[in-house]
Amino acid sequence: MKKIFICCVSGISTSMVVKKMMQAARERGIDIKVVAVRIDMFDSNLPHFDGCLLGPQVKSKFDECKKKGNELGKPVEVIDSTDYGMMNGNKILNQALAMFD
């Protein structure tokens, strides 16, 4: 089972994305854990997860987060803003899974 965390400003809007992703995962029979956290919790969560997606509202933190992820061998990507805005759990789930290909 892959464990992913998603960071945004406060974790509120991202928690809705997590619900959509988990619904898509259940429908597809994919065993994955996804949680939403605030961006200021990135450093404390990174060691405990396989990878991280950043919400578009914190994409300015991408370079810093990507560097930290690389140091631990953990992928970090930014969620497409259209997929995020549309709460497209299936496409965001695909993006999360593709980080490990």
N, C-alpha and C. Protein backbone atom coordinates (compact mmCIF):
# COMPACT_ATOMS: atom_id res chain seq x y z
N MET A 1 0.85 -1.19 0.00
CA MET A 1 0.00 0.00 0.00
C MET A 1 0.89 1.24 0.00
N LYS A 2 0.62 2.13 -0.94
CA LYS A 2 1.31 3.41 -0.98
C LYS A 2 0.64 4.38 -0.03
N LYS A 3 1.46 5.22 0.59
CA LYS A 3 0.95 6.26 1.48
C LYS A 3 1.38 7.62 0.93
N ILE A 4 0.38 8.46 0.66
CA ILE A 4 0.60 9.77 0.06
C ILE A 4 0.05 10.84 1.00
N PHE A 5 0.74 11.97 1.09
CA PHE A 5 0.14 13.10 1.78
C PHE A 5 0.06 14.27 0.82
N ILE A 6 -1.00 15.05 0.99
CA ILE A 6 -1.24 16.21 0.15
C ILE A 6 -1.16 17.44 1.03
N CYS A 7 -0.39 18.42 0.59
CA CYS A 7 -0.23 19.66 1.35
C CYS A 7 -0.95 20.81 0.67
N CYS A 8 -1.58 21.63 1.49
CA CYS A 8 -2.14 22.89 1.01
C CYS A 8 -1.97 23.92 2.13
N VAL A 9 -2.62 25.04 2.00
CA VAL A 9 -2.45 26.10 2.99
C VAL A 9 -2.98 25.68 4.36
N SER A 10 -4.22 25.20 4.40
CA SER A 10 -4.82 24.86 5.70
C SER A 10 -5.26 23.40 5.80
N GLY A 11 -5.28 22.67 4.70
CA GLY A 11 -5.71 21.27 4.73
C GLY A 11 -7.19 21.09 4.55
N ILE A 12 -7.95 22.19 4.46
CA ILE A 12 -9.41 22.08 4.38
C ILE A 12 -9.87 21.67 2.98
N SER A 13 -9.51 22.45 1.97
CA SER A 13 -9.95 22.11 0.61
C SER A 13 -9.32 20.79 0.16
N THR A 14 -8.12 20.54 0.59
CA THR A 14 -7.45 19.31 0.21
C THR A 14 -8.12 18.09 0.82
N SER A 15 -8.75 18.24 1.97
CA SER A 15 -9.44 17.09 2.56
C SER A 15 -10.59 16.63 1.65
N MET A 16 -11.18 17.54 0.90
CA MET A 16 -12.21 17.15 -0.06
C MET A 16 -11.59 16.38 -1.22
N VAL A 17 -10.41 16.79 -1.65
CA VAL A 17 -9.70 16.08 -2.71
C VAL A 17 -9.37 14.66 -2.23
N VAL A 18 -8.93 14.54 -0.99
CA VAL A 18 -8.61 13.23 -0.42
C VAL A 18 -9.84 12.32 -0.48
N LYS A 19 -11.00 12.83 -0.11
CA LYS A 19 -12.22 12.02 -0.15
C LYS A 19 -12.51 11.53 -1.56
N LYS A 20 -12.34 12.41 -2.54
CA LYS A 20 -12.58 12.04 -3.94
C LYS A 20 -11.55 11.00 -4.41
N MET A 21 -10.30 11.17 -4.00
CA MET A 21 -9.27 10.21 -4.37
C MET A 21 -9.54 8.84 -3.75
N MET A 22 -9.91 8.83 -2.49
CA MET A 22 -10.18 7.56 -1.81
C MET A 22 -11.40 6.86 -2.41
N GLN A 23 -12.39 7.64 -2.80
CA GLN A 23 -13.56 7.06 -3.47
C GLN A 23 -13.13 6.40 -4.78
N ALA A 24 -12.33 7.11 -5.57
CA ALA A 24 -11.84 6.56 -6.84
C ALA A 24 -11.01 5.31 -6.60
N ALA A 25 -10.18 5.31 -5.56
CA ALA A 25 -9.34 4.16 -5.24
C ALA A 25 -10.20 2.95 -4.87
N ARG A 26 -11.23 3.16 -4.06
CA ARG A 26 -12.13 2.07 -3.68
C ARG A 26 -12.81 1.49 -4.91
N GLU A 27 -13.30 2.36 -5.79
CA GLU A 27 -14.00 1.91 -7.00
C GLU A 27 -13.07 1.11 -7.90
N ARG A 28 -11.78 1.41 -7.86
CA ARG A 28 -10.81 0.73 -8.72
C ARG A 28 -10.07 -0.39 -8.00
N GLY A 29 -10.38 -0.61 -6.73
CA GLY A 29 -9.74 -1.67 -5.97
C GLY A 29 -8.27 -1.41 -5.67
N ILE A 30 -7.92 -0.14 -5.50
CA ILE A 30 -6.53 0.25 -5.22
C ILE A 30 -6.37 0.50 -3.73
N ASP A 31 -5.37 -0.13 -3.15
CA ASP A 31 -5.08 0.02 -1.72
C ASP A 31 -4.08 1.16 -1.55
N ILE A 32 -4.55 2.29 -1.08
CA ILE A 32 -3.72 3.48 -0.92
C ILE A 32 -4.21 4.27 0.29
N LYS A 33 -3.29 4.93 0.94
CA LYS A 33 -3.64 5.83 2.05
C LYS A 33 -3.30 7.24 1.60
N VAL A 34 -4.26 8.15 1.74
CA VAL A 34 -4.05 9.54 1.37
C VAL A 34 -4.56 10.42 2.51
N VAL A 35 -3.75 11.37 2.94
CA VAL A 35 -4.15 12.30 3.98
C VAL A 35 -3.83 13.73 3.55
N ALA A 36 -4.54 14.67 4.12
CA ALA A 36 -4.31 16.09 3.85
C ALA A 36 -3.67 16.74 5.07
N VAL A 37 -2.65 17.55 4.81
CA VAL A 37 -1.98 18.28 5.89
C VAL A 37 -1.65 19.70 5.43
N ARG A 38 -1.42 20.56 6.40
CA ARG A 38 -0.98 21.92 6.08
C ARG A 38 0.47 21.89 5.60
N ILE A 39 0.81 22.84 4.77
CA ILE A 39 2.17 22.89 4.21
C ILE A 39 3.22 23.02 5.31
N ASP A 40 2.88 23.64 6.42
CA ASP A 40 3.87 23.76 7.50
C ASP A 40 4.13 22.42 8.21
N MET A 41 3.38 21.39 7.82
CA MET A 41 3.58 20.05 8.38
C MET A 41 4.36 19.14 7.41
N PHE A 42 4.83 19.71 6.30
CA PHE A 42 5.53 18.92 5.28
C PHE A 42 6.71 18.15 5.87
N ASP A 43 7.61 18.86 6.54
CA ASP A 43 8.83 18.24 7.04
C ASP A 43 8.54 17.10 8.02
N SER A 44 7.57 17.25 8.87
CA SER A 44 7.29 16.21 9.86
C SER A 44 6.56 15.01 9.25
N ASN A 45 5.88 15.20 8.13
CA ASN A 45 5.16 14.09 7.50
C ASN A 45 6.00 13.33 6.48
N LEU A 46 6.93 14.01 5.82
CA LEU A 46 7.68 13.40 4.72
C LEU A 46 8.30 12.04 5.09
N PRO A 47 8.94 11.89 6.23
CA PRO A 47 9.57 10.59 6.53
C PRO A 47 8.59 9.43 6.65
N HIS A 48 7.32 9.71 6.89
CA HIS A 48 6.34 8.67 7.18
C HIS A 48 5.48 8.28 5.97
N PHE A 49 5.72 8.92 4.83
CA PHE A 49 4.90 8.66 3.64
C PHE A 49 5.81 8.32 2.46
N ASP A 50 5.20 7.74 1.42
CA ASP A 50 5.95 7.35 0.23
C ASP A 50 6.14 8.50 -0.74
N GLY A 51 5.26 9.50 -0.68
CA GLY A 51 5.35 10.64 -1.58
C GLY A 51 4.37 11.73 -1.19
N CYS A 52 4.48 12.87 -1.89
CA CYS A 52 3.65 14.02 -1.55
C CYS A 52 3.17 14.72 -2.82
N LEU A 53 1.93 15.16 -2.76
CA LEU A 53 1.37 16.05 -3.77
C LEU A 53 1.13 17.39 -3.11
N LEU A 54 1.46 18.45 -3.81
CA LEU A 54 1.21 19.80 -3.31
C LEU A 54 -0.02 20.36 -4.01
N GLY A 55 -0.88 21.00 -3.25
CA GLY A 55 -2.00 21.71 -3.85
C GLY A 55 -1.47 22.89 -4.65
N PRO A 56 -2.21 23.28 -5.70
CA PRO A 56 -1.75 24.39 -6.54
C PRO A 56 -1.50 25.68 -5.77
N GLN A 57 -2.21 25.89 -4.67
CA GLN A 57 -2.06 27.12 -3.91
C GLN A 57 -0.73 27.21 -3.16
N VAL A 58 0.02 26.10 -3.10
CA VAL A 58 1.34 26.12 -2.45
C VAL A 58 2.45 25.71 -3.43
N LYS A 59 2.19 25.85 -4.72
CA LYS A 59 3.19 25.45 -5.71
C LYS A 59 4.46 26.28 -5.61
N SER A 60 4.39 27.43 -4.97
CA SER A 60 5.60 28.24 -4.77
C SER A 60 6.60 27.52 -3.86
N LYS A 61 6.15 26.53 -3.12
CA LYS A 61 7.02 25.76 -2.22
C LYS A 61 7.61 24.52 -2.91
N PHE A 62 7.26 24.32 -4.19
CA PHE A 62 7.64 23.09 -4.88
C PHE A 62 9.14 22.83 -4.86
N ASP A 63 9.95 23.79 -5.25
CA ASP A 63 11.40 23.55 -5.34
C ASP A 63 11.98 23.12 -3.99
N GLU A 64 11.56 23.80 -2.95
CA GLU A 64 12.03 23.48 -1.59
C GLU A 64 11.59 22.07 -1.18
N CYS A 65 10.31 21.77 -1.43
CA CYS A 65 9.77 20.46 -1.04
C CYS A 65 10.36 19.34 -1.90
N LYS A 66 10.53 19.60 -3.18
CA LYS A 66 11.11 18.60 -4.10
C LYS A 66 12.53 18.25 -3.66
N LYS A 67 13.30 19.25 -3.27
CA LYS A 67 14.67 19.00 -2.81
C LYS A 67 14.67 18.10 -1.58
N LYS A 68 13.80 18.39 -0.64
CA LYS A 68 13.72 17.56 0.58
C LYS A 68 13.25 16.16 0.24
N GLY A 69 12.29 16.05 -0.68
CA GLY A 69 11.82 14.74 -1.10
C GLY A 69 12.94 13.94 -1.77
N ASN A 70 13.70 14.59 -2.64
CA ASN A 70 14.81 13.92 -3.32
C ASN A 70 15.83 13.39 -2.32
N GLU A 71 16.07 14.14 -1.26
CA GLU A 71 17.05 13.72 -0.25
C GLU A 71 16.63 12.41 0.42
N LEU A 72 15.32 12.18 0.50
CA LEU A 72 14.81 10.95 1.12
C LEU A 72 14.32 9.93 0.09
N GLY A 73 14.49 10.24 -1.19
CA GLY A 73 14.04 9.33 -2.24
C GLY A 73 12.53 9.25 -2.35
N LYS A 74 11.86 10.38 -2.09
CA LYS A 74 10.40 10.40 -2.11
C LYS A 74 9.93 11.45 -3.12
N PRO A 75 9.04 11.04 -4.03
CA PRO A 75 8.58 11.98 -5.06
C PRO A 75 7.67 13.06 -4.50
N VAL A 76 7.79 14.24 -5.10
CA VAL A 76 6.93 15.38 -4.76
C VAL A 76 6.50 16.03 -6.07
N GLU A 77 5.20 16.24 -6.23
CA GLU A 77 4.66 16.88 -7.42
C GLU A 77 3.57 17.86 -7.03
N VAL A 78 3.23 18.75 -7.97
CA VAL A 78 2.13 19.70 -7.78
C VAL A 78 0.91 19.17 -8.53
N ILE A 79 -0.23 19.20 -7.88
CA ILE A 79 -1.48 18.78 -8.51
C ILE A 79 -1.88 19.80 -9.57
N ASP A 80 -2.30 19.30 -10.73
CA ASP A 80 -2.79 20.16 -11.79
C ASP A 80 -3.94 21.03 -11.25
N SER A 81 -3.87 22.33 -11.51
CA SER A 81 -4.86 23.25 -10.94
C SER A 81 -6.28 22.97 -11.43
N THR A 82 -6.43 22.54 -12.68
CA THR A 82 -7.77 22.23 -13.19
C THR A 82 -8.33 21.00 -12.49
N ASP A 83 -7.52 19.96 -12.36
CA ASP A 83 -7.97 18.75 -11.67
C ASP A 83 -8.31 19.06 -10.21
N TYR A 84 -7.50 19.91 -9.59
CA TYR A 84 -7.75 20.28 -8.20
C TYR A 84 -9.06 21.06 -8.09
N GLY A 85 -9.23 22.05 -8.95
CA GLY A 85 -10.44 22.88 -8.91
C GLY A 85 -11.70 22.09 -9.18
N MET A 86 -11.59 21.08 -10.04
CA MET A 86 -12.75 20.25 -10.38
C MET A 86 -12.91 19.10 -9.39
N MET A 87 -11.98 19.01 -8.43
CA MET A 87 -11.99 17.90 -7.46
C MET A 87 -12.05 16.56 -8.18
N ASN A 88 -11.22 16.40 -9.21
CA ASN A 88 -11.20 15.19 -10.02
C ASN A 88 -10.33 14.15 -9.33
N GLY A 89 -10.93 13.45 -8.41
CA GLY A 89 -10.20 12.47 -7.61
C GLY A 89 -9.54 11.39 -8.43
N ASN A 90 -10.19 10.97 -9.51
CA ASN A 90 -9.64 9.91 -10.34
C ASN A 90 -8.35 10.36 -11.03
N LYS A 91 -8.34 11.56 -11.60
CA LYS A 91 -7.13 12.05 -12.28
C LYS A 91 -6.01 12.34 -11.28
N ILE A 92 -6.36 12.86 -10.12
CA ILE A 92 -5.34 13.14 -9.11
C ILE A 92 -4.78 11.83 -8.57
N LEU A 93 -5.63 10.82 -8.42
CA LEU A 93 -5.16 9.49 -8.02
C LEU A 93 -4.19 8.95 -9.07
N ASN A 94 -4.52 9.11 -10.34
CA ASN A 94 -3.61 8.67 -11.41
C ASN A 94 -2.27 9.37 -11.30
N GLN A 95 -2.29 10.67 -11.02
CA GLN A 95 -1.04 11.42 -10.87
C GLN A 95 -0.23 10.88 -9.70
N ALA A 96 -0.91 10.62 -8.59
CA ALA A 96 -0.22 10.10 -7.41
C ALA A 96 0.43 8.76 -7.71
N LEU A 97 -0.30 7.86 -8.35
CA LEU A 97 0.24 6.55 -8.67
C LEU A 97 1.39 6.62 -9.67
N ALA A 98 1.29 7.55 -10.62
CA ALA A 98 2.33 7.70 -11.64
C ALA A 98 3.66 8.16 -11.04
N MET A 99 3.63 8.76 -9.86
CA MET A 99 4.88 9.19 -9.21
C MET A 99 5.79 8.00 -8.93
N PHE A 100 5.22 6.80 -8.86
CA PHE A 100 5.99 5.61 -8.47
C PHE A 100 6.32 4.71 -9.64
N ASP A 101 5.99 5.12 -10.85
CA ASP A 101 6.31 4.31 -12.04
C ASP A 101 7.75 4.48 -12.45
